[in-house]
Amino acid sequence: QVQLVESGGGLVQAGGSLRLSCAVSGRTFTSTMGWFRQAPGKEREFVAAIRWVSSTTYYADSVKGRFTISRDNAKNTLYLQMNSLKPEDTAVYYCALDLVFGNPVLSREYDYWGQGTQVTVSS
């Protein structure tokens, strides 16, 4: 059974930073991992993704220059460093895993999802 568990969310003031982690348990082939977020009443949106082996990264325009996605192959752990946080970044953040090298910005391409971690940015 493949499981993804996010951690590191919390409450921060605008301009602050948070670092999210996503631990993967269960051995499986990993092509791509990504971060998505969902605010109340809104659709889930793409944030960032990384090709597991090559480390090629992809970012939504809204977070480019502020967020950094990375991974630790040995630990099977995905990270999202979030700097210069804004109130509009407030959402539940989910990590996801794609087995077969789909389009990294499309949520429907991912095979496994975590439970999510809440990020709240106050003004």
N, C-alpha and C. Protein backbone atom coordinates (compact mmCIF):
# COMPACT_ATOMS: atom_id res chain seq x y z
N GLN A 1 0.84 -1.18 0.00
CA GLN A 1 0.00 0.00 0.00
C GLN A 1 0.89 1.25 0.00
N VAL A 2 0.71 2.10 -0.99
CA VAL A 2 1.44 3.35 -1.07
C VAL A 2 0.69 4.42 -0.30
N GLN A 3 1.39 5.11 0.58
CA GLN A 3 0.79 6.18 1.36
C GLN A 3 1.67 7.42 1.33
N LEU A 4 1.02 8.58 1.27
CA LEU A 4 1.69 9.87 1.30
C LEU A 4 1.18 10.64 2.50
N VAL A 5 2.10 11.19 3.29
CA VAL A 5 1.73 11.92 4.49
C VAL A 5 2.41 13.27 4.50
N GLU A 6 1.60 14.33 4.45
CA GLU A 6 2.12 15.70 4.48
C GLU A 6 2.29 16.18 5.92
N SER A 7 3.23 17.10 6.11
CA SER A 7 3.43 17.74 7.40
C SER A 7 4.07 19.10 7.18
N GLY A 8 4.06 19.92 8.22
CA GLY A 8 4.73 21.21 8.17
C GLY A 8 3.82 22.41 8.01
N GLY A 9 2.53 22.19 7.84
CA GLY A 9 1.61 23.30 7.72
C GLY A 9 1.43 24.03 9.03
N GLY A 10 0.80 25.19 8.96
CA GLY A 10 0.57 25.97 10.16
C GLY A 10 0.09 27.37 9.84
N LEU A 11 0.12 28.21 10.85
CA LEU A 11 -0.32 29.61 10.74
C LEU A 11 0.90 30.52 10.74
N VAL A 12 1.00 31.37 9.73
CA VAL A 12 2.10 32.32 9.64
C VAL A 12 1.57 33.68 9.20
N GLN A 13 2.34 34.71 9.48
CA GLN A 13 2.01 36.05 9.02
C GLN A 13 2.49 36.25 7.59
N ALA A 14 1.84 37.16 6.88
CA ALA A 14 2.25 37.49 5.53
C ALA A 14 3.73 37.87 5.51
N GLY A 15 4.45 37.35 4.53
CA GLY A 15 5.87 37.58 4.43
C GLY A 15 6.71 36.50 5.09
N GLY A 16 6.08 35.63 5.84
CA GLY A 16 6.78 34.56 6.53
C GLY A 16 7.04 33.36 5.65
N SER A 17 7.59 32.31 6.26
CA SER A 17 7.98 31.11 5.53
C SER A 17 7.50 29.85 6.22
N LEU A 18 7.28 28.82 5.42
CA LEU A 18 6.98 27.48 5.91
C LEU A 18 7.65 26.47 5.00
N ARG A 19 7.96 25.32 5.56
CA ARG A 19 8.51 24.22 4.78
C ARG A 19 7.63 22.98 4.95
N LEU A 20 7.03 22.54 3.87
CA LEU A 20 6.18 21.36 3.89
C LEU A 20 6.98 20.13 3.51
N SER A 21 6.61 19.00 4.11
CA SER A 21 7.22 17.72 3.78
C SER A 21 6.15 16.72 3.40
N CYS A 22 6.51 15.77 2.56
CA CYS A 22 5.61 14.69 2.17
C CYS A 22 6.41 13.41 2.17
N ALA A 23 6.11 12.54 3.10
CA ALA A 23 6.81 11.26 3.23
C ALA A 23 6.04 10.17 2.51
N VAL A 24 6.73 9.40 1.69
CA VAL A 24 6.13 8.31 0.93
C VAL A 24 6.51 6.98 1.56
N SER A 25 5.51 6.17 1.87
CA SER A 25 5.75 4.83 2.39
C SER A 25 5.22 3.80 1.40
N GLY A 26 5.81 2.61 1.42
CA GLY A 26 5.47 1.60 0.44
C GLY A 26 6.35 1.78 -0.79
N ARG A 27 6.93 0.70 -1.24
CA ARG A 27 7.84 0.80 -2.37
C ARG A 27 7.07 0.77 -3.68
N THR A 28 7.35 1.76 -4.53
CA THR A 28 6.70 1.86 -5.83
C THR A 28 7.58 2.67 -6.76
N PHE A 29 7.37 2.50 -8.05
CA PHE A 29 8.06 3.33 -9.02
C PHE A 29 7.48 4.73 -8.99
N THR A 30 8.35 5.72 -8.96
CA THR A 30 7.93 7.11 -8.93
C THR A 30 8.48 7.84 -10.14
N SER A 31 7.59 8.37 -10.94
CA SER A 31 7.98 9.20 -12.08
C SER A 31 8.05 10.66 -11.69
N THR A 32 6.98 11.15 -11.07
CA THR A 32 6.83 12.56 -10.74
C THR A 32 6.10 12.73 -9.42
N MET A 33 6.47 13.74 -8.67
CA MET A 33 5.69 14.12 -7.50
C MET A 33 5.37 15.61 -7.59
N GLY A 34 4.22 15.96 -7.04
CA GLY A 34 3.78 17.34 -7.13
C GLY A 34 3.07 17.82 -5.89
N TRP A 35 2.93 19.13 -5.81
CA TRP A 35 2.15 19.80 -4.78
C TRP A 35 0.97 20.51 -5.42
N PHE A 36 -0.20 20.32 -4.84
CA PHE A 36 -1.40 21.01 -5.24
C PHE A 36 -2.01 21.66 -4.00
N ARG A 37 -2.88 22.63 -4.21
CA ARG A 37 -3.54 23.26 -3.07
C ARG A 37 -5.00 23.55 -3.40
N GLN A 38 -5.80 23.61 -2.35
CA GLN A 38 -7.22 23.87 -2.51
C GLN A 38 -7.71 24.78 -1.40
N ALA A 39 -8.20 25.95 -1.79
CA ALA A 39 -8.79 26.89 -0.85
C ALA A 39 -10.29 26.61 -0.74
N PRO A 40 -10.92 27.03 0.35
CA PRO A 40 -12.36 26.79 0.51
C PRO A 40 -13.18 27.32 -0.65
N GLY A 41 -14.05 26.48 -1.20
CA GLY A 41 -14.91 26.88 -2.30
C GLY A 41 -14.24 26.97 -3.65
N LYS A 42 -12.98 26.59 -3.75
CA LYS A 42 -12.25 26.68 -5.00
C LYS A 42 -11.77 25.31 -5.46
N GLU A 43 -11.44 25.22 -6.74
CA GLU A 43 -10.91 23.99 -7.30
C GLU A 43 -9.47 23.78 -6.87
N ARG A 44 -9.07 22.53 -6.84
CA ARG A 44 -7.68 22.21 -6.56
C ARG A 44 -6.79 22.74 -7.69
N GLU A 45 -5.70 23.40 -7.33
CA GLU A 45 -4.82 23.97 -8.34
C GLU A 45 -3.39 23.49 -8.19
N PHE A 46 -2.71 23.45 -9.31
CA PHE A 46 -1.32 23.05 -9.36
C PHE A 46 -0.43 24.09 -8.70
N VAL A 47 0.57 23.63 -7.95
CA VAL A 47 1.54 24.52 -7.32
C VAL A 47 2.93 24.29 -7.88
N ALA A 48 3.42 23.07 -7.77
CA ALA A 48 4.77 22.74 -8.21
C ALA A 48 4.90 21.24 -8.40
N ALA A 49 5.86 20.82 -9.22
CA ALA A 49 6.11 19.41 -9.43
C ALA A 49 7.58 19.18 -9.74
N ILE A 50 8.01 17.94 -9.56
CA ILE A 50 9.40 17.59 -9.82
C ILE A 50 9.48 16.18 -10.39
N ARG A 51 10.28 16.02 -11.43
CA ARG A 51 10.59 14.69 -11.94
C ARG A 51 11.57 14.05 -10.98
N TRP A 52 11.24 12.87 -10.49
CA TRP A 52 11.95 12.28 -9.37
C TRP A 52 13.42 12.00 -9.67
N VAL A 53 13.71 11.48 -10.84
CA VAL A 53 15.08 11.10 -11.16
C VAL A 53 15.89 12.29 -11.68
N SER A 54 15.35 13.03 -12.63
CA SER A 54 16.08 14.13 -13.26
C SER A 54 16.11 15.40 -12.42
N SER A 55 15.16 15.57 -11.52
CA SER A 55 14.96 16.75 -10.69
C SER A 55 14.46 17.97 -11.48
N THR A 56 13.99 17.76 -12.70
CA THR A 56 13.36 18.84 -13.45
C THR A 56 12.14 19.35 -12.69
N THR A 57 12.02 20.66 -12.58
CA THR A 57 10.95 21.25 -11.78
C THR A 57 9.98 22.07 -12.62
N TYR A 58 8.76 22.22 -12.10
CA TYR A 58 7.70 22.97 -12.74
C TYR A 58 6.99 23.77 -11.67
N TYR A 59 6.62 25.03 -11.99
CA TYR A 59 5.97 25.89 -11.02
C TYR A 59 4.80 26.64 -11.63
N ALA A 60 3.76 26.82 -10.83
CA ALA A 60 2.70 27.73 -11.21
C ALA A 60 3.23 29.16 -11.19
N ASP A 61 2.72 30.00 -12.09
CA ASP A 61 3.18 31.38 -12.15
C ASP A 61 2.98 32.11 -10.82
N SER A 62 1.93 31.77 -10.10
CA SER A 62 1.60 32.46 -8.87
C SER A 62 2.61 32.23 -7.75
N VAL A 63 3.42 31.19 -7.85
CA VAL A 63 4.38 30.88 -6.79
C VAL A 63 5.82 30.95 -7.26
N LYS A 64 6.04 31.13 -8.54
CA LYS A 64 7.39 31.16 -9.09
C LYS A 64 8.22 32.27 -8.43
N GLY A 65 9.41 31.91 -8.00
CA GLY A 65 10.28 32.86 -7.33
C GLY A 65 10.10 32.91 -5.83
N ARG A 66 9.01 32.33 -5.33
CA ARG A 66 8.75 32.31 -3.89
C ARG A 66 8.82 30.91 -3.30
N PHE A 67 8.38 29.91 -4.06
CA PHE A 67 8.36 28.53 -3.59
C PHE A 67 9.44 27.72 -4.29
N THR A 68 9.98 26.73 -3.59
CA THR A 68 10.97 25.83 -4.16
C THR A 68 10.60 24.39 -3.82
N ILE A 69 10.47 23.55 -4.85
CA ILE A 69 10.20 22.14 -4.65
C ILE A 69 11.50 21.36 -4.73
N SER A 70 11.64 20.36 -3.89
CA SER A 70 12.83 19.53 -3.91
C SER A 70 12.49 18.14 -3.40
N ARG A 71 13.41 17.21 -3.57
CA ARG A 71 13.16 15.86 -3.09
C ARG A 71 14.45 15.22 -2.58
N ASP A 72 14.30 14.26 -1.69
CA ASP A 72 15.40 13.48 -1.16
C ASP A 72 15.15 12.04 -1.59
N ASN A 73 15.90 11.57 -2.57
CA ASN A 73 15.67 10.23 -3.11
C ASN A 73 15.85 9.14 -2.06
N ALA A 74 16.87 9.28 -1.23
CA ALA A 74 17.16 8.26 -0.22
C ALA A 74 16.05 8.14 0.81
N LYS A 75 15.41 9.26 1.14
CA LYS A 75 14.36 9.27 2.15
C LYS A 75 12.96 9.15 1.56
N ASN A 76 12.86 9.15 0.23
CA ASN A 76 11.55 9.15 -0.43
C ASN A 76 10.65 10.25 0.14
N THR A 77 11.21 11.43 0.21
CA THR A 77 10.51 12.57 0.80
C THR A 77 10.52 13.76 -0.14
N LEU A 78 9.38 14.40 -0.26
CA LEU A 78 9.19 15.58 -1.08
C LEU A 78 9.06 16.80 -0.17
N TYR A 79 9.61 17.93 -0.61
CA TYR A 79 9.57 19.16 0.18
C TYR A 79 9.02 20.32 -0.64
N LEU A 80 8.44 21.27 0.05
CA LEU A 80 8.05 22.53 -0.56
C LEU A 80 8.44 23.66 0.39
N GLN A 81 9.46 24.41 0.02
CA GLN A 81 9.87 25.57 0.78
C GLN A 81 9.07 26.77 0.29
N MET A 82 8.33 27.40 1.18
CA MET A 82 7.46 28.50 0.83
C MET A 82 7.94 29.77 1.54
N ASN A 83 8.38 30.74 0.76
CA ASN A 83 8.84 32.01 1.28
C ASN A 83 7.94 33.14 0.82
N SER A 84 8.04 34.28 1.48
CA SER A 84 7.25 35.46 1.12
C SER A 84 5.78 35.12 0.97
N LEU A 85 5.25 34.43 1.95
CA LEU A 85 3.87 33.95 1.88
C LEU A 85 2.88 35.10 1.88
N LYS A 86 1.80 34.90 1.13
CA LYS A 86 0.73 35.87 1.00
C LYS A 86 -0.58 35.27 1.50
N PRO A 87 -1.54 36.11 1.90
CA PRO A 87 -2.83 35.57 2.34
C PRO A 87 -3.49 34.68 1.29
N GLU A 88 -3.30 34.96 0.01
CA GLU A 88 -3.88 34.15 -1.04
C GLU A 88 -3.24 32.77 -1.17
N ASP A 89 -2.16 32.52 -0.44
CA ASP A 89 -1.57 31.19 -0.39
C ASP A 89 -2.30 30.27 0.59
N THR A 90 -3.22 30.83 1.36
CA THR A 90 -3.97 30.05 2.33
C THR A 90 -4.76 28.95 1.64
N ALA A 91 -4.55 27.71 2.05
CA ALA A 91 -5.20 26.56 1.43
C ALA A 91 -4.76 25.30 2.14
N VAL A 92 -5.43 24.20 1.81
CA VAL A 92 -4.93 22.89 2.18
C VAL A 92 -3.98 22.44 1.08
N TYR A 93 -2.78 22.06 1.46
CA TYR A 93 -1.77 21.64 0.50
C TYR A 93 -1.67 20.12 0.47
N TYR A 94 -1.69 19.56 -0.74
CA TYR A 94 -1.64 18.13 -0.94
C TYR A 94 -0.41 17.75 -1.75
N CYS A 95 0.23 16.65 -1.38
CA CYS A 95 1.25 16.09 -2.25
C CYS A 95 0.66 14.93 -3.02
N ALA A 96 1.23 14.65 -4.18
CA ALA A 96 0.71 13.62 -5.06
C ALA A 96 1.85 12.93 -5.79
N LEU A 97 1.60 11.69 -6.19
CA LEU A 97 2.60 10.86 -6.86
C LEU A 97 2.04 10.30 -8.15
N ASP A 98 2.80 10.46 -9.23
CA ASP A 98 2.44 9.93 -10.54
C ASP A 98 3.39 8.79 -10.89
N LEU A 99 2.84 7.65 -11.25
CA LEU A 99 3.64 6.48 -11.55
C LEU A 99 4.20 6.46 -12.97
N VAL A 100 3.49 7.08 -13.93
CA VAL A 100 3.77 6.79 -15.33
C VAL A 100 4.09 8.00 -16.20
N PHE A 101 4.64 9.05 -15.61
CA PHE A 101 5.20 10.18 -16.37
C PHE A 101 4.14 10.94 -17.16
N GLY A 102 3.06 11.29 -16.49
CA GLY A 102 2.03 12.11 -17.11
C GLY A 102 2.38 13.59 -17.06
N ASN A 103 1.47 14.41 -17.58
CA ASN A 103 1.64 15.85 -17.53
C ASN A 103 1.66 16.30 -16.07
N PRO A 104 2.76 16.89 -15.60
CA PRO A 104 2.90 17.16 -14.16
C PRO A 104 1.98 18.24 -13.61
N VAL A 105 1.37 19.07 -14.45
CA VAL A 105 0.52 20.14 -13.95
C VAL A 105 -0.95 19.74 -13.85
N LEU A 106 -1.30 18.54 -14.28
CA LEU A 106 -2.69 18.09 -14.29
C LEU A 106 -2.94 17.13 -13.15
N SER A 107 -3.88 17.47 -12.28
CA SER A 107 -4.16 16.65 -11.12
C SER A 107 -4.63 15.25 -11.50
N ARG A 108 -5.34 15.12 -12.63
CA ARG A 108 -5.88 13.83 -13.04
C ARG A 108 -4.81 12.84 -13.44
N GLU A 109 -3.59 13.29 -13.63
CA GLU A 109 -2.49 12.40 -14.00
C GLU A 109 -1.90 11.66 -12.81
N TYR A 110 -2.19 12.11 -11.61
CA TYR A 110 -1.56 11.55 -10.42
C TYR A 110 -2.33 10.36 -9.86
N ASP A 111 -1.60 9.38 -9.36
CA ASP A 111 -2.18 8.12 -8.92
C ASP A 111 -2.44 8.04 -7.42
N TYR A 112 -1.64 8.73 -6.62
CA TYR A 112 -1.78 8.69 -5.17
C TYR A 112 -1.74 10.09 -4.60
N TRP A 113 -2.51 10.29 -3.53
CA TRP A 113 -2.63 11.59 -2.88
C TRP A 113 -2.51 11.47 -1.37
N GLY A 114 -1.94 12.50 -0.75
CA GLY A 114 -1.90 12.57 0.69
C GLY A 114 -3.19 13.15 1.24
N GLN A 115 -3.26 13.26 2.57
CA GLN A 115 -4.45 13.77 3.24
C GLN A 115 -4.50 15.29 3.28
N GLY A 116 -3.38 15.94 3.07
CA GLY A 116 -3.33 17.39 3.06
C GLY A 116 -2.87 17.98 4.38
N THR A 117 -2.29 19.17 4.31
CA THR A 117 -1.89 19.91 5.48
C THR A 117 -2.30 21.37 5.31
N GLN A 118 -2.87 21.95 6.36
CA GLN A 118 -3.43 23.29 6.28
C GLN A 118 -2.33 24.35 6.40
N VAL A 119 -2.35 25.30 5.48
CA VAL A 119 -1.49 26.47 5.54
C VAL A 119 -2.38 27.70 5.60
N THR A 120 -2.20 28.51 6.64
CA THR A 120 -2.98 29.72 6.80
C THR A 120 -2.03 30.91 6.93
N VAL A 121 -2.21 31.90 6.07
CA VAL A 121 -1.37 33.09 6.07
C VAL A 121 -2.24 34.28 6.46
N SER A 122 -1.91 34.92 7.56
CA SER A 122 -2.67 36.05 8.05
C SER A 122 -2.07 37.36 7.55
N SER A 123 -2.92 38.37 7.39
CA SER A 123 -2.47 39.68 6.96
C SER A 123 -2.27 40.62 8.13
